[in-house]
PDB file of N, CA and C in Angstrom:
ATOM      1  N   UNK A   1       0.808  -1.203  -0.003  1.00  0.00           N
ATOM      2  CA  UNK A   1      -0.009  -0.022   0.016  1.00  0.00           C
ATOM      3  C   UNK A   1       0.874   1.268  -0.002  1.00  0.00           C
ATOM      4  N   UNK A   2       1.951   1.230   0.770  1.00  0.00           N
ATOM      5  CA  UNK A   2       2.864   2.361   0.805  1.00  0.00           C
ATOM      6  C   UNK A   2       3.468   2.611  -0.546  1.00  0.00           C
ATOM      7  N   UNK A   3       3.845   1.525  -1.192  1.00  0.00           N
ATOM      8  CA  UNK A   3       4.473   1.644  -2.526  1.00  0.00           C
ATOM      9  C   UNK A   3       3.457   2.255  -3.531  1.00  0.00           C
ATOM     10  N   UNK A   4       2.206   1.898  -3.413  1.00  0.00           N
ATOM     11  CA  UNK A   4       1.172   2.461  -4.291  1.00  0.00           C
ATOM     12  C   UNK A   4       1.022   3.947  -4.032  1.00  0.00           C
ATOM     13  N   UNK A   5       1.073   4.377  -2.796  1.00  0.00           N
ATOM     14  CA  UNK A   5       0.974   5.802  -2.461  1.00  0.00           C
ATOM     15  C   UNK A   5       2.176   6.580  -3.002  1.00  0.00           C
ATOM     16  N   UNK A   6       3.381   6.014  -2.879  1.00  0.00           N
ATOM     17  CA  UNK A   6       4.582   6.655  -3.387  1.00  0.00           C
ATOM     18  C   UNK A   6       4.487   6.758  -4.910  1.00  0.00           C
ATOM     19  N   UNK A   7       4.056   5.712  -5.540  1.00  0.00           N
ATOM     20  CA  UNK A   7       3.925   5.735  -7.000  1.00  0.00           C
ATOM     21  C   UNK A   7       2.893   6.754  -7.449  1.00  0.00           C
ATOM     22  N   UNK A   8       1.797   6.817  -6.753  1.00  0.00           N
ATOM     23  CA  UNK A   8       0.749   7.789  -7.124  1.00  0.00           C
ATOM     24  C   UNK A   8       1.254   9.232  -6.944  1.00  0.00           C
ATOM     25  N   UNK A   9       1.949   9.472  -5.869  1.00  0.00           N
ATOM     26  CA  UNK A   9       2.539  10.803  -5.630  1.00  0.00           C
ATOM     27  C   UNK A   9       3.563  11.149  -6.679  1.00  0.00           C
ATOM     28  N   UNK A  10       4.352  10.204  -7.103  1.00  0.00           N
ATOM     29  CA  UNK A  10       5.323  10.424  -8.168  1.00  0.00           C
ATOM     30  C   UNK A  10       4.678  10.800  -9.503  1.00  0.00           C
ATOM     31  N   UNK A  11       3.490  10.287  -9.739  1.00  0.00           N
ATOM     32  CA  UNK A  11       2.769  10.615 -10.959  1.00  0.00           C
ATOM     33  C   UNK A  11       2.062  11.964 -10.865  1.00  0.00           C
ATOM     34  N   UNK A  12       1.525  12.281  -9.721  1.00  0.00           N
ATOM     35  CA  UNK A  12       0.661  13.477  -9.574  1.00  0.00           C
ATOM     36  C   UNK A  12       1.477  14.759  -9.307  1.00  0.00           C
ATOM     37  N   UNK A  13       2.614  14.673  -8.655  1.00  0.00           N
ATOM     38  CA  UNK A  13       3.385  15.869  -8.298  1.00  0.00           C
ATOM     39  C   UNK A  13       3.753  16.726  -9.513  1.00  0.00           C
ATOM     40  N   UNK A  14       4.255  16.115 -10.606  1.00  0.00           N
ATOM     41  CA  UNK A  14       4.584  16.974 -11.774  1.00  0.00           C
ATOM     42  C   UNK A  14       3.330  17.734 -12.282  1.00  0.00           C
ATOM     43  N   UNK A  15       2.176  17.130 -12.249  1.00  0.00           N
ATOM     44  CA  UNK A  15       0.983  17.827 -12.734  1.00  0.00           C
ATOM     45  C   UNK A  15       0.602  19.017 -11.822  1.00  0.00           C
ATOM     46  N   UNK A  16       0.764  18.808 -10.502  1.00  0.00           N
ATOM     47  CA  UNK A  16       0.445  19.878  -9.541  1.00  0.00           C
ATOM     48  C   UNK A  16       1.406  21.044  -9.690  1.00  0.00           C
ATOM     49  N   UNK A  17       2.668  20.733  -9.816  1.00  0.00           N
ATOM     50  CA  UNK A  17       3.665  21.836  -9.984  1.00  0.00           C
ATOM     51  C   UNK A  17       3.508  22.503 -11.329  1.00  0.00           C
ATOM     52  N   UNK A  18       3.147  21.750 -12.339  1.00  0.00           N
ATOM     53  CA  UNK A  18       2.949  22.334 -13.684  1.00  0.00           C
ATOM     54  C   UNK A  18       1.777  23.324 -13.667  1.00  0.00           C
ATOM     55  N   UNK A  19       0.699  22.990 -12.932  1.00  0.00           N
ATOM     56  CA  UNK A  19      -0.459  23.892 -12.865  1.00  0.00           C
ATOM     57  C   UNK A  19      -0.064  25.168 -12.112  1.00  0.00           C
ATOM     58  N   UNK A  20       0.771  25.035 -11.098  1.00  0.00           N
ATOM     59  CA  UNK A  20       1.231  26.217 -10.361  1.00  0.00           C
ATOM     60  C   UNK A  20       2.075  27.123 -11.233  1.00  0.00           C
ATOM     61  N   UNK A  21       2.969  26.556 -12.028  1.00  0.00           N
ATOM     62  CA  UNK A  21       3.814  27.346 -12.882  1.00  0.00           C
ATOM     63  C   UNK A  21       2.971  27.996 -13.986  1.00  0.00           C
ATOM     64  N   UNK A  22       1.969  27.319 -14.494  1.00  0.00           N
ATOM     65  CA  UNK A  22       1.108  27.878 -15.528  1.00  0.00           C
ATOM     66  C   UNK A  22       0.302  29.076 -14.939  1.00  0.00           C
ATOM     67  N   UNK A  23      -0.194  28.963 -13.720  1.00  0.00           N
ATOM     68  CA  UNK A  23      -0.921  30.050 -13.087  1.00  0.00           C
ATOM     69  C   UNK A  23      -0.029  31.259 -12.880  1.00  0.00           C
ATOM     70  N   UNK A  24       1.208  31.020 -12.405  1.00  0.00           N
ATOM     71  CA  UNK A  24       2.135  32.147 -12.223  1.00  0.00           C
ATOM     72  C   UNK A  24       2.476  32.792 -13.544  1.00  0.00           C
ATOM     73  N   UNK A  25       2.614  31.993 -14.603  1.00  0.00           N
ATOM     74  CA  UNK A  25       2.875  32.548 -15.906  1.00  0.00           C
ATOM     75  C   UNK A  25       1.755  33.445 -16.410  1.00  0.00           C
ATOM     76  N   UNK A  26       0.530  33.019 -16.138  1.00  0.00           N
ATOM     77  CA  UNK A  26      -0.634  33.812 -16.534  1.00  0.00           C
ATOM     78  C   UNK A  26      -0.683  35.138 -15.771  1.00  0.00           C
ATOM     79  N   UNK A  27      -0.323  35.122 -14.508  1.00  0.00           N
ATOM     80  CA  UNK A  27      -0.273  36.362 -13.709  1.00  0.00           C
ATOM     81  C   UNK A  27       0.830  37.297 -14.232  1.00  0.00           C
ATOM     82  N   UNK A  28       1.979  36.774 -14.541  1.00  0.00           N
ATOM     83  CA  UNK A  28       3.090  37.583 -15.065  1.00  0.00           C
ATOM     84  C   UNK A  28       2.737  38.153 -16.450  1.00  0.00           C
ATOM     85  N   UNK A  29       2.039  37.395 -17.266  1.00  0.00           N
ATOM     86  CA  UNK A  29       1.658  37.876 -18.584  1.00  0.00           C
ATOM     87  C   UNK A  29       0.677  39.040 -18.448  1.00  0.00           C
ATOM     88  N   UNK A  30      -0.329  38.895 -17.580  1.00  0.00           N
ATOM     89  CA  UNK A  30      -1.287  39.983 -17.352  1.00  0.00           C
ATOM     90  C   UNK A  30      -0.576  41.203 -16.749  1.00  0.00           C
ATOM     91  N   UNK A  31       0.406  40.968 -15.858  1.00  0.00           N
ATOM     92  CA  UNK A  31       1.153  42.072 -15.247  1.00  0.00           C
ATOM     93  C   UNK A  31       1.955  42.801 -16.354  1.00  0.00           C
ATOM     94  N   UNK A  32       2.517  42.103 -17.285  1.00  0.00           N
ATOM     95  CA  UNK A  32       3.262  42.733 -18.386  1.00  0.00           C
ATOM     96  C   UNK A  32       2.324  43.574 -19.246  1.00  0.00           C
ATOM     97  N   UNK A  33       1.122  43.080 -19.489  1.00  0.00           N
ATOM     98  CA  UNK A  33       0.117  43.835 -20.281  1.00  0.00           C
ATOM     99  C   UNK A  33      -0.245  45.104 -19.543  1.00  0.00           C
ATOM    100  N   UNK A  34      -0.481  44.991 -18.223  1.00  0.00           N
ATOM    101  CA  UNK A  34      -0.853  46.181 -17.425  1.00  0.00           C
ATOM    102  C   UNK A  34       0.284  47.221 -17.421  1.00  0.00           C
ATOM    103  N   UNK A  35       1.521  46.775 -17.306  1.00  0.00           N
ATOM    104  CA  UNK A  35       2.651  47.670 -17.331  1.00  0.00           C
ATOM    105  C   UNK A  35       2.795  48.341 -18.693  1.00  0.00           C
ATOM    106  N   UNK A  36       2.661  47.564 -19.751  1.00  0.00           N
ATOM    107  CA  UNK A  36       2.768  48.100 -21.092  1.00  0.00           C
ATOM    108  C   UNK A  36       1.658  49.109 -21.386  1.00  0.00           C
ATOM    109  N   UNK A  37       0.434  48.816 -20.969  1.00  0.00           N
ATOM    110  CA  UNK A  37      -0.673  49.769 -21.166  1.00  0.00           C
ATOM    111  C   UNK A  37      -0.393  51.125 -20.533  1.00  0.00           C
ATOM    112  N   UNK A  38       0.143  51.120 -19.364  1.00  0.00           N
ATOM    113  CA  UNK A  38       0.459  52.370 -18.683  1.00  0.00           C
ATOM    114  C   UNK A  38       1.635  53.108 -19.360  1.00  0.00           C
ATOM    115  N   UNK A  39       2.641  52.367 -19.762  1.00  0.00           N
ATOM    116  CA  UNK A  39       3.766  52.976 -20.493  1.00  0.00           C
ATOM    117  C   UNK A  39       3.247  53.626 -21.777  1.00  0.00           C
ATOM    118  N   UNK A  40       2.362  52.978 -22.485  1.00  0.00           N
ATOM    119  CA  UNK A  40       1.833  53.545 -23.728  1.00  0.00           C
ATOM    120  C   UNK A  40       1.019  54.812 -23.455  1.00  0.00           C
ATOM    121  N   UNK A  41       0.308  54.849 -22.310  1.00  0.00           N
ATOM    122  CA  UNK A  41      -0.414  56.064 -21.905  1.00  0.00           C
ATOM    123  C   UNK A  41       0.590  57.196 -21.691  1.00  0.00           C
ATOM    124  N   UNK A  42       1.684  56.881 -21.017  1.00  0.00           N
ATOM    125  CA  UNK A  42       2.702  57.898 -20.685  1.00  0.00           C
ATOM    126  C   UNK A  42       3.294  58.463 -21.955  1.00  0.00           C
ATOM    127  N   UNK A  43       3.659  57.595 -22.906  1.00  0.00           N
ATOM    128  CA  UNK A  43       4.294  58.022 -24.150  1.00  0.00           C
ATOM    129  C   UNK A  43       3.350  58.874 -24.946  1.00  0.00           C
ATOM    130  N   UNK A  44       2.058  58.626 -24.862  1.00  0.00           N
ATOM    131  CA  UNK A  44       1.057  59.386 -25.630  1.00  0.00           C
ATOM    132  C   UNK A  44       0.770  60.762 -24.999  1.00  0.00           C
ATOM    133  N   UNK A  45       1.291  61.002 -23.792  1.00  0.00           N
ATOM    134  CA  UNK A  45       1.091  62.263 -23.090  1.00  0.00           C
ATOM    135  C   UNK A  45       2.137  63.308 -23.573  1.00  0.00           C
ATOM    136  N   UNK A  46       1.733  64.558 -23.714  1.00  0.00           N
ATOM    137  CA  UNK A  46       2.728  65.583 -24.037  1.00  0.00           C
ATOM    138  C   UNK A  46       3.885  65.575 -23.047  1.00  0.00           C
ATOM    139  N   UNK A  47       5.116  65.698 -23.550  1.00  0.00           N
ATOM    140  CA  UNK A  47       6.301  65.567 -22.718  1.00  0.00           C
ATOM    141  C   UNK A  47       6.325  66.514 -21.517  1.00  0.00           C
ATOM    142  N   UNK A  48       5.802  67.744 -21.694  1.00  0.00           N
ATOM    143  CA  UNK A  48       5.864  68.692 -20.579  1.00  0.00           C
ATOM    144  C   UNK A  48       4.877  68.377 -19.469  1.00  0.00           C
ATOM    145  N   UNK A  49       4.000  67.384 -19.648  1.00  0.00           N
ATOM    146  CA  UNK A  49       3.006  67.011 -18.641  1.00  0.00           C
ATOM    147  C   UNK A  49       3.331  65.647 -17.972  1.00  0.00           C
ATOM    148  N   UNK A  50       4.265  64.923 -18.531  1.00  0.00           N
ATOM    149  CA  UNK A  50       4.512  63.553 -18.022  1.00  0.00           C
ATOM    150  C   UNK A  50       4.902  63.521 -16.555  1.00  0.00           C
ATOM    151  N   UNK A  51       5.946  64.248 -16.186  1.00  0.00           N
ATOM    152  CA  UNK A  51       6.483  64.159 -14.820  1.00  0.00           C
ATOM    153  C   UNK A  51       5.425  64.589 -13.801  1.00  0.00           C
ATOM    154  N   UNK A  52       4.683  65.622 -14.128  1.00  0.00           N
ATOM    155  CA  UNK A  52       3.616  66.102 -13.178  1.00  0.00           C
ATOM    156  C   UNK A  52       2.478  65.145 -13.085  1.00  0.00           C
ATOM    157  N   UNK A  53       2.199  64.375 -14.106  1.00  0.00           N
ATOM    158  CA  UNK A  53       1.017  63.500 -14.150  1.00  0.00           C
ATOM    159  C   UNK A  53       1.276  62.093 -13.638  1.00  0.00           C
ATOM    160  N   UNK A  54       2.434  61.552 -13.904  1.00  0.00           N
ATOM    161  CA  UNK A  54       2.667  60.145 -13.685  1.00  0.00           C
ATOM    162  C   UNK A  54       3.696  59.839 -12.580  1.00  0.00           C
ATOM    163  N   UNK A  55       3.287  60.062 -11.366  1.00  0.00           N
ATOM    164  CA  UNK A  55       4.040  59.717 -10.164  1.00  0.00           C
ATOM    165  C   UNK A  55       3.014  59.287  -9.104  1.00  0.00           C
ATOM    166  N   UNK A  56       2.577  58.068  -9.140  1.00  0.00           N
ATOM    167  CA  UNK A  56       1.550  57.628  -8.201  1.00  0.00           C
ATOM    168  C   UNK A  56       1.551  56.108  -8.075  1.00  0.00           C
ATOM    169  N   UNK A  57       0.735  55.627  -7.144  1.00  0.00           N
ATOM    170  CA  UNK A  57       0.569  54.224  -6.917  1.00  0.00           C
ATOM    171  C   UNK A  57      -0.940  53.909  -7.015  1.00  0.00           C
ATOM    172  N   UNK A  58      -1.249  52.848  -7.720  1.00  0.00           N
ATOM    173  CA  UNK A  58      -2.626  52.291  -7.761  1.00  0.00           C
ATOM    174  C   UNK A  58      -2.657  51.106  -6.845  1.00  0.00           C
ATOM    175  N   UNK A  59      -3.363  51.156  -5.756  1.00  0.00           N
ATOM    176  CA  UNK A  59      -3.395  50.103  -4.761  1.00  0.00           C
ATOM    177  C   UNK A  59      -4.025  48.838  -5.299  1.00  0.00           C
ATOM    178  N   UNK A  60      -3.819  47.761  -4.613  1.00  0.00           N
ATOM    179  CA  UNK A  60      -4.376  46.473  -5.026  1.00  0.00           C
ATOM    180  C   UNK A  60      -5.876  46.571  -5.244  1.00  0.00           C
ATOM    181  N   UNK A  61      -6.305  46.136  -6.437  1.00  0.00           N
ATOM    182  CA  UNK A  61      -7.731  46.181  -6.757  1.00  0.00           C
ATOM    183  C   UNK A  61      -8.209  47.557  -7.174  1.00  0.00           C
ATOM    184  N   UNK A  62      -7.330  48.544  -7.352  1.00  0.00           N
ATOM    185  CA  UNK A  62      -7.741  49.886  -7.690  1.00  0.00           C
ATOM    186  C   UNK A  62      -7.125  50.353  -9.029  1.00  0.00           C
ATOM    187  N   UNK A  63      -6.871  49.465  -9.923  1.00  0.00           N
ATOM    188  CA  UNK A  63      -6.257  49.789 -11.224  1.00  0.00           C
ATOM    189  C   UNK A  63      -7.285  50.500 -12.114  1.00  0.00           C
ATOM    190  N   UNK A  64      -6.789  51.411 -12.916  1.00  0.00           N
ATOM    191  CA  UNK A  64      -7.674  52.132 -13.836  1.00  0.00           C
ATOM    192  C   UNK A  64      -7.222  51.898 -15.272  1.00  0.00           C
ATOM    193  N   UNK A  65      -8.185  52.096 -16.182  1.00  0.00           N
ATOM    194  CA  UNK A  65      -7.894  51.982 -17.602  1.00  0.00           C
ATOM    195  C   UNK A  65      -7.482  53.367 -18.143  1.00  0.00           C
ATOM    196  N   UNK A  66      -7.268  53.456 -19.465  1.00  0.00           N
ATOM    197  CA  UNK A  66      -6.792  54.690 -20.057  1.00  0.00           C
ATOM    198  C   UNK A  66      -7.748  55.864 -19.887  1.00  0.00           C
ATOM    199  N   UNK A  67      -9.005  55.599 -19.653  1.00  0.00           N
ATOM    200  CA  UNK A  67      -9.980  56.723 -19.439  1.00  0.00           C
ATOM    201  C   UNK A  67     -10.144  57.059 -18.008  1.00  0.00           C
ATOM    202  N   UNK A  68      -9.434  56.338 -17.101  1.00  0.00           N
ATOM    203  CA  UNK A  68      -9.510  56.607 -15.665  1.00  0.00           C
ATOM    204  C   UNK A  68     -10.578  55.808 -14.955  1.00  0.00           C
ATOM    205  N   UNK A  69     -11.277  54.940 -15.693  1.00  0.00           N
ATOM    206  CA  UNK A  69     -12.295  54.072 -15.078  1.00  0.00           C
ATOM    207  C   UNK A  69     -11.683  52.888 -14.362  1.00  0.00           C
ATOM    208  N   UNK A  70     -12.214  52.540 -13.256  1.00  0.00           N
ATOM    209  CA  UNK A  70     -11.722  51.429 -12.432  1.00  0.00           C
ATOM    210  C   UNK A  70     -11.883  50.091 -13.174  1.00  0.00           C
ATOM    211  N   UNK A  71     -10.833  49.270 -13.196  1.00  0.00           N
ATOM    212  CA  UNK A  71     -10.903  47.939 -13.818  1.00  0.00           C
ATOM    213  C   UNK A  71     -11.587  47.017 -12.772  1.00  0.00           C
ATOM    214  N   UNK A  72     -12.809  46.625 -13.058  1.00  0.00           N
ATOM    215  CA  UNK A  72     -13.613  45.888 -12.058  1.00  0.00           C
ATOM    216  C   UNK A  72     -13.590  44.392 -12.236  1.00  0.00           C
ATOM    217  N   UNK A  73     -13.045  43.886 -13.311  1.00  0.00           N
ATOM    218  CA  UNK A  73     -13.000  42.442 -13.490  1.00  0.00           C
ATOM    219  C   UNK A  73     -12.199  41.783 -12.376  1.00  0.00           C
ATOM    220  N   UNK A  74     -12.673  40.635 -11.901  1.00  0.00           N
ATOM    221  CA  UNK A  74     -12.018  39.961 -10.788  1.00  0.00           C
ATOM    222  C   UNK A  74     -10.548  39.595 -11.049  1.00  0.00           C
ATOM    223  N   UNK A  75     -10.188  39.452 -12.309  1.00  0.00           N
ATOM    224  CA  UNK A  75      -8.790  39.034 -12.626  1.00  0.00           C
ATOM    225  C   UNK A  75      -7.801  40.159 -12.263  1.00  0.00           C
ATOM    226  N   UNK A  76      -8.244  41.406 -12.074  1.00  0.00           N
ATOM    227  CA  UNK A  76      -7.388  42.494 -11.702  1.00  0.00           C
ATOM    228  C   UNK A  76      -7.328  42.732 -10.176  1.00  0.00           C
ATOM    229  N   UNK A  77      -8.094  42.016  -9.424  1.00  0.00           N
ATOM    230  CA  UNK A  77      -8.266  42.305  -7.994  1.00  0.00           C
ATOM    231  C   UNK A  77      -7.004  42.243  -7.173  1.00  0.00           C
ATOM    232  N   UNK A  78      -6.058  41.356  -7.513  1.00  0.00           N
ATOM    233  CA  UNK A  78      -4.844  41.219  -6.713  1.00  0.00           C
ATOM    234  C   UNK A  78      -3.646  41.945  -7.274  1.00  0.00           C
ATOM    235  N   UNK A  79      -3.865  42.807  -8.240  1.00  0.00           N
ATOM    236  CA  UNK A  79      -2.760  43.571  -8.886  1.00  0.00           C
ATOM    237  C   UNK A  79      -2.710  44.980  -8.340  1.00  0.00           C
ATOM    238  N   UNK A  80      -1.503  45.519  -8.220  1.00  0.00           N
ATOM    239  CA  UNK A  80      -1.319  46.917  -7.921  1.00  0.00           C
ATOM    240  C   UNK A  80      -0.220  47.420  -8.864  1.00  0.00           C
ATOM    241  N   UNK A  81      -0.104  48.758  -8.971  1.00  0.00           N
ATOM    242  CA  UNK A  81       0.824  49.314  -9.947  1.00  0.00           C
ATOM    243  C   UNK A  81       1.440  50.576  -9.407  1.00  0.00           C
ATOM    244  N   UNK A  82       2.743  50.755  -9.645  1.00  0.00           N
ATOM    245  CA  UNK A  82       3.432  51.977  -9.277  1.00  0.00           C
ATOM    246  C   UNK A  82       4.037  52.601 -10.543  1.00  0.00           C
ATOM    247  N   UNK A  83       3.947  53.913 -10.644  1.00  0.00           N
ATOM    248  CA  UNK A  83       4.580  54.599 -11.790  1.00  0.00           C
ATOM    249  C   UNK A  83       5.372  55.775 -11.243  1.00  0.00           C
ATOM    250  N   UNK A  84       6.558  55.945 -11.868  1.00  0.00           N
ATOM    251  CA  UNK A  84       7.450  57.030 -11.487  1.00  0.00           C
ATOM    252  C   UNK A  84       8.063  57.603 -12.744  1.00  0.00           C
ATOM    253  N   UNK A  85       8.044  58.894 -12.858  1.00  0.00           N
ATOM    254  CA  UNK A  85       8.629  59.603 -14.002  1.00  0.00           C
ATOM    255  C   UNK A  85       9.497  60.743 -13.506  1.00  0.00           C
ATOM    256  N   UNK A  86      10.703  60.842 -14.030  1.00  0.00           N
ATOM    257  CA  UNK A  86      11.600  61.909 -13.611  1.00  0.00           C
ATOM    258  C   UNK A  86      12.479  62.291 -14.761  1.00  0.00           C
ATOM    259  N   UNK A  87      12.963  63.564 -14.720  1.00  0.00           N
ATOM    260  CA  UNK A  87      13.885  64.046 -15.700  1.00  0.00           C
ATOM    261  C   UNK A  87      15.269  63.455 -15.407  1.00  0.00           C
ATOM    262  N   UNK A  88      15.963  63.020 -16.458  1.00  0.00           N
ATOM    263  CA  UNK A  88      17.316  62.458 -16.308  1.00  0.00           C
ATOM    264  C   UNK A  88      18.194  62.927 -17.468  1.00  0.00           C
ATOM    265  N   UNK A  89      19.510  62.785 -17.239  1.00  0.00           N
ATOM    266  CA  UNK A  89      20.517  63.002 -18.249  1.00  0.00           C
ATOM    267  C   UNK A  89      21.173  61.662 -18.575  1.00  0.00           C
ATOM    268  N   UNK A  90      21.620  61.517 -19.825  1.00  0.00           N
ATOM    269  CA  UNK A  90      22.359  60.321 -20.116  1.00  0.00           C
ATOM    270  C   UNK A  90      23.774  60.518 -19.709  1.00  0.00           C
ATOM    271  N   UNK A  91      24.537  59.452 -19.653  1.00  0.00           N
ATOM    272  CA  UNK A  91      25.927  59.516 -19.171  1.00  0.00           C
ATOM    273  C   UNK A  91      26.787  60.454 -20.028  1.00  0.00           C
ATOM    274  N   UNK A  92      26.435  60.625 -21.314  1.00  0.00           N
ATOM    275  CA  UNK A  92      27.217  61.454 -22.212  1.00  0.00           C
ATOM    276  C   UNK A  92      26.909  62.952 -22.052  1.00  0.00           C
ATOM    277  N   UNK A  93      25.837  63.279 -21.359  1.00  0.00           N
ATOM    278  CA  UNK A  93      25.437  64.669 -21.241  1.00  0.00           C
ATOM    279  C   UNK A  93      26.124  65.359 -20.091  1.00  0.00           C
ATOM    280  N   UNK A  94      26.432  66.638 -20.270  1.00  0.00           N
ATOM    281  CA  UNK A  94      27.024  67.462 -19.237  1.00  0.00           C
ATOM    282  C   UNK A  94      25.956  67.841 -18.176  1.00  0.00           C
ATOM    283  N   UNK A  95      26.402  67.949 -16.975  1.00  0.00           N
ATOM    284  CA  UNK A  95      25.487  68.392 -15.918  1.00  0.00           C
ATOM    285  C   UNK A  95      25.033  69.843 -16.124  1.00  0.00           C
ATOM    286  N   UNK A  96      25.823  70.566 -16.965  1.00  0.00           N
ATOM    287  CA  UNK A  96      25.460  71.977 -17.215  1.00  0.00           C
ATOM    288  C   UNK A  96      24.196  72.100 -18.103  1.00  0.00           C
ATOM    289  N   UNK A  97      23.926  71.031 -18.826  1.00  0.00           N
ATOM    290  CA  UNK A  97      22.745  71.041 -19.722  1.00  0.00           C
ATOM    291  C   UNK A  97      21.500  70.664 -18.934  1.00  0.00           C
ATOM    292  N   UNK A  98      20.384  71.207 -19.358  1.00  0.00           N
ATOM    293  CA  UNK A  98      19.117  70.832 -18.757  1.00  0.00           C
ATOM    294  C   UNK A  98      18.772  69.378 -19.144  1.00  0.00           C
ATOM    295  N   UNK A  99      18.253  68.623 -18.187  1.00  0.00           N
ATOM    296  CA  UNK A  99      17.877  67.246 -18.482  1.00  0.00           C
ATOM    297  C   UNK A  99      16.776  67.249 -19.529  1.00  0.00           C
ATOM    298  N   UNK A 100      16.999  66.508 -20.585  1.00  0.00           N
ATOM    299  CA  UNK A 100      16.012  66.502 -21.631  1.00  0.00           C
ATOM    300  C   UNK A 100      15.449  65.117 -21.945  1.00  0.00           C
ATOM    301  N   UNK A 101      15.611  64.210 -21.028  1.00  0.00           N
ATOM    302  CA  UNK A 101      15.038  62.880 -21.151  1.00  0.00           C
ATOM    303  C   UNK A 101      14.149  62.634 -19.939  1.00  0.00           C
ATOM    304  N   UNK A 102      13.169  61.813 -20.111  1.00  0.00           N
ATOM    305  CA  UNK A 102      12.290  61.388 -18.990  1.00  0.00           C
ATOM    306  C   UNK A 102      12.403  59.902 -18.844  1.00  0.00           C
ATOM    307  N   UNK A 103      12.732  59.482 -17.629  1.00  0.00           N
ATOM    308  CA  UNK A 103      12.730  58.017 -17.327  1.00  0.00           C
ATOM    309  C   UNK A 103      11.397  57.688 -16.748  1.00  0.00           C
ATOM    310  N   UNK A 104      10.658  56.813 -17.469  1.00  0.00           N
ATOM    311  CA  UNK A 104       9.342  56.354 -16.981  1.00  0.00           C
ATOM    312  C   UNK A 104       9.528  54.909 -16.488  1.00  0.00           C
ATOM    313  N   UNK A 105       9.120  54.678 -15.271  1.00  0.00           N
ATOM    314  CA  UNK A 105       9.232  53.356 -14.648  1.00  0.00           C
ATOM    315  C   UNK A 105       7.877  52.908 -14.171  1.00  0.00           C
ATOM    316  N   UNK A 106       7.423  51.747 -14.661  1.00  0.00           N
ATOM    317  CA  UNK A 106       6.167  51.163 -14.215  1.00  0.00           C
ATOM    318  C   UNK A 106       6.462  49.769 -13.636  1.00  0.00           C
ATOM    319  N   UNK A 107       5.979  49.549 -12.441  1.00  0.00           N
ATOM    320  CA  UNK A 107       6.130  48.244 -11.779  1.00  0.00           C
ATOM    321  C   UNK A 107       4.729  47.738 -11.410  1.00  0.00           C
ATOM    322  N   UNK A 108       4.474  46.479 -11.730  1.00  0.00           N
ATOM    323  CA  UNK A 108       3.193  45.868 -11.408  1.00  0.00           C
ATOM    324  C   UNK A 108       3.447  44.728 -10.403  1.00  0.00           C
ATOM    325  N   UNK A 109       2.588  44.693  -9.419  1.00  0.00           N
ATOM    326  CA  UNK A 109       2.713  43.705  -8.353  1.00  0.00           C
ATOM    327  C   UNK A 109       1.504  42.790  -8.316  1.00  0.00           C
ATOM    328  N   UNK A 110       1.687  41.525  -8.020  1.00  0.00           N
ATOM    329  CA  UNK A 110       0.601  40.604  -7.847  1.00  0.00           C
ATOM    330  C   UNK A 110       0.676  40.134  -6.397  1.00  0.00           C
ATOM    331  N   UNK A 111      -0.352  40.451  -5.613  1.00  0.00           N
ATOM    332  CA  UNK A 111      -0.371  40.129  -4.174  1.00  0.00           C
ATOM    333  C   UNK A 111       0.870  40.633  -3.463  1.00  0.00           C
ATOM    334  N   UNK A 112       1.348  41.800  -3.847  1.00  0.00           N
ATOM    335  CA  UNK A 112       2.469  42.427  -3.140  1.00  0.00           C
ATOM    336  C   UNK A 112       3.812  42.009  -3.655  1.00  0.00           C
ATOM    337  N   UNK A 113       3.880  41.052  -4.594  1.00  0.00           N
ATOM    338  CA  UNK A 113       5.185  40.615  -5.123  1.00  0.00           C
ATOM    339  C   UNK A 113       5.333  41.155  -6.554  1.00  0.00           C
ATOM    340  N   UNK A 114       6.513  41.609  -6.858  1.00  0.00           N
ATOM    341  CA  UNK A 114       6.766  42.165  -8.218  1.00  0.00           C
ATOM    342  C   UNK A 114       6.484  41.077  -9.264  1.00  0.00           C
ATOM    343  N   UNK A 115       5.655  41.423 -10.230  1.00  0.00           N
ATOM    344  CA  UNK A 115       5.342  40.504 -11.316  1.00  0.00           C
ATOM    345  C   UNK A 115       5.871  40.979 -12.634  1.00  0.00           C
ATOM    346  N   UNK A 116       6.020  42.284 -12.829  1.00  0.00           N
ATOM    347  CA  UNK A 116       6.509  42.832 -14.097  1.00  0.00           C
ATOM    348  C   UNK A 116       6.974  44.271 -13.882  1.00  0.00           C
ATOM    349  N   UNK A 117       7.879  44.711 -14.721  1.00  0.00           N
ATOM    350  CA  UNK A 117       8.342  46.069 -14.662  1.00  0.00           C
ATOM    351  C   UNK A 117       8.865  46.489 -16.020  1.00  0.00           C
ATOM    352  N   UNK A 118       8.612  47.773 -16.364  1.00  0.00           N
ATOM    353  CA  UNK A 118       9.109  48.316 -17.627  1.00  0.00           C
ATOM    354  C   UNK A 118       9.685  49.691 -17.310  1.00  0.00           C
ATOM    355  N   UNK A 119      10.898  49.908 -17.826  1.00  0.00           N
ATOM    356  CA  UNK A 119      11.554  51.226 -17.756  1.00  0.00           C
ATOM    357  C   UNK A 119      11.681  51.715 -19.182  1.00  0.00           C
ATOM    358  N   UNK A 120      11.362  52.965 -19.407  1.00  0.00           N
ATOM    359  CA  UNK A 120      11.453  53.523 -20.769  1.00  0.00           C
ATOM    360  C   UNK A 120      11.989  54.930 -20.689  1.00  0.00           C
ATOM    361  N   UNK A 121      12.945  55.210 -21.552  1.00  0.00           N
ATOM    362  CA  UNK A 121      13.544  56.509 -21.655  1.00  0.00           C
ATOM    363  C   UNK A 121      12.839  57.269 -22.806  1.00  0.00           C
ATOM    364  N   UNK A 122      12.305  58.438 -22.454  1.00  0.00           N
ATOM    365  CA  UNK A 122      11.508  59.216 -23.407  1.00  0.00           C
ATOM    366  C   UNK A 122      12.248  60.535 -23.658  1.00  0.00           C
ATOM    367  N   UNK A 123      12.418  60.872 -24.919  1.00  0.00           N
ATOM    368  CA  UNK A 123      13.065  62.158 -25.236  1.00  0.00           C
ATOM    369  C   UNK A 123      11.992  63.221 -25.354  1.00  0.00           C
ATOM    370  N   UNK A 124      12.306  64.437 -24.986  1.00  0.00           N
ATOM    371  CA  UNK A 124      11.390  65.534 -25.023  1.00  0.00           C
ATOM    372  C   UNK A 124      11.076  65.954 -26.438  1.00  0.00           C
TER     373      UNK A 124
END
């Protein structure tokens, strides 16, 4: 009987771990889509408004779409998002020059753990 239990566990464990990996992959894919959607919103914004507009956190279950409406589908309930935009200079630029690039950083979390992140350098 013990051997039968060990054999059954040996057959079932790969399926259980496979399902777990598949679920995590689905969460990471959705997180990447959420991060990319916000980056695309940022890029579509006039450069002189980006830094003032995009520095905030959307708490878990409080994500918004491009029109500002709350995403109410249950699949978004455990996601949160942080966005940070700041003026930066590249390594080749002198400190005497005004920063003319914007670094946009979007991080998406699933249940408090980082699931995806996108950094994008935007020229003015």
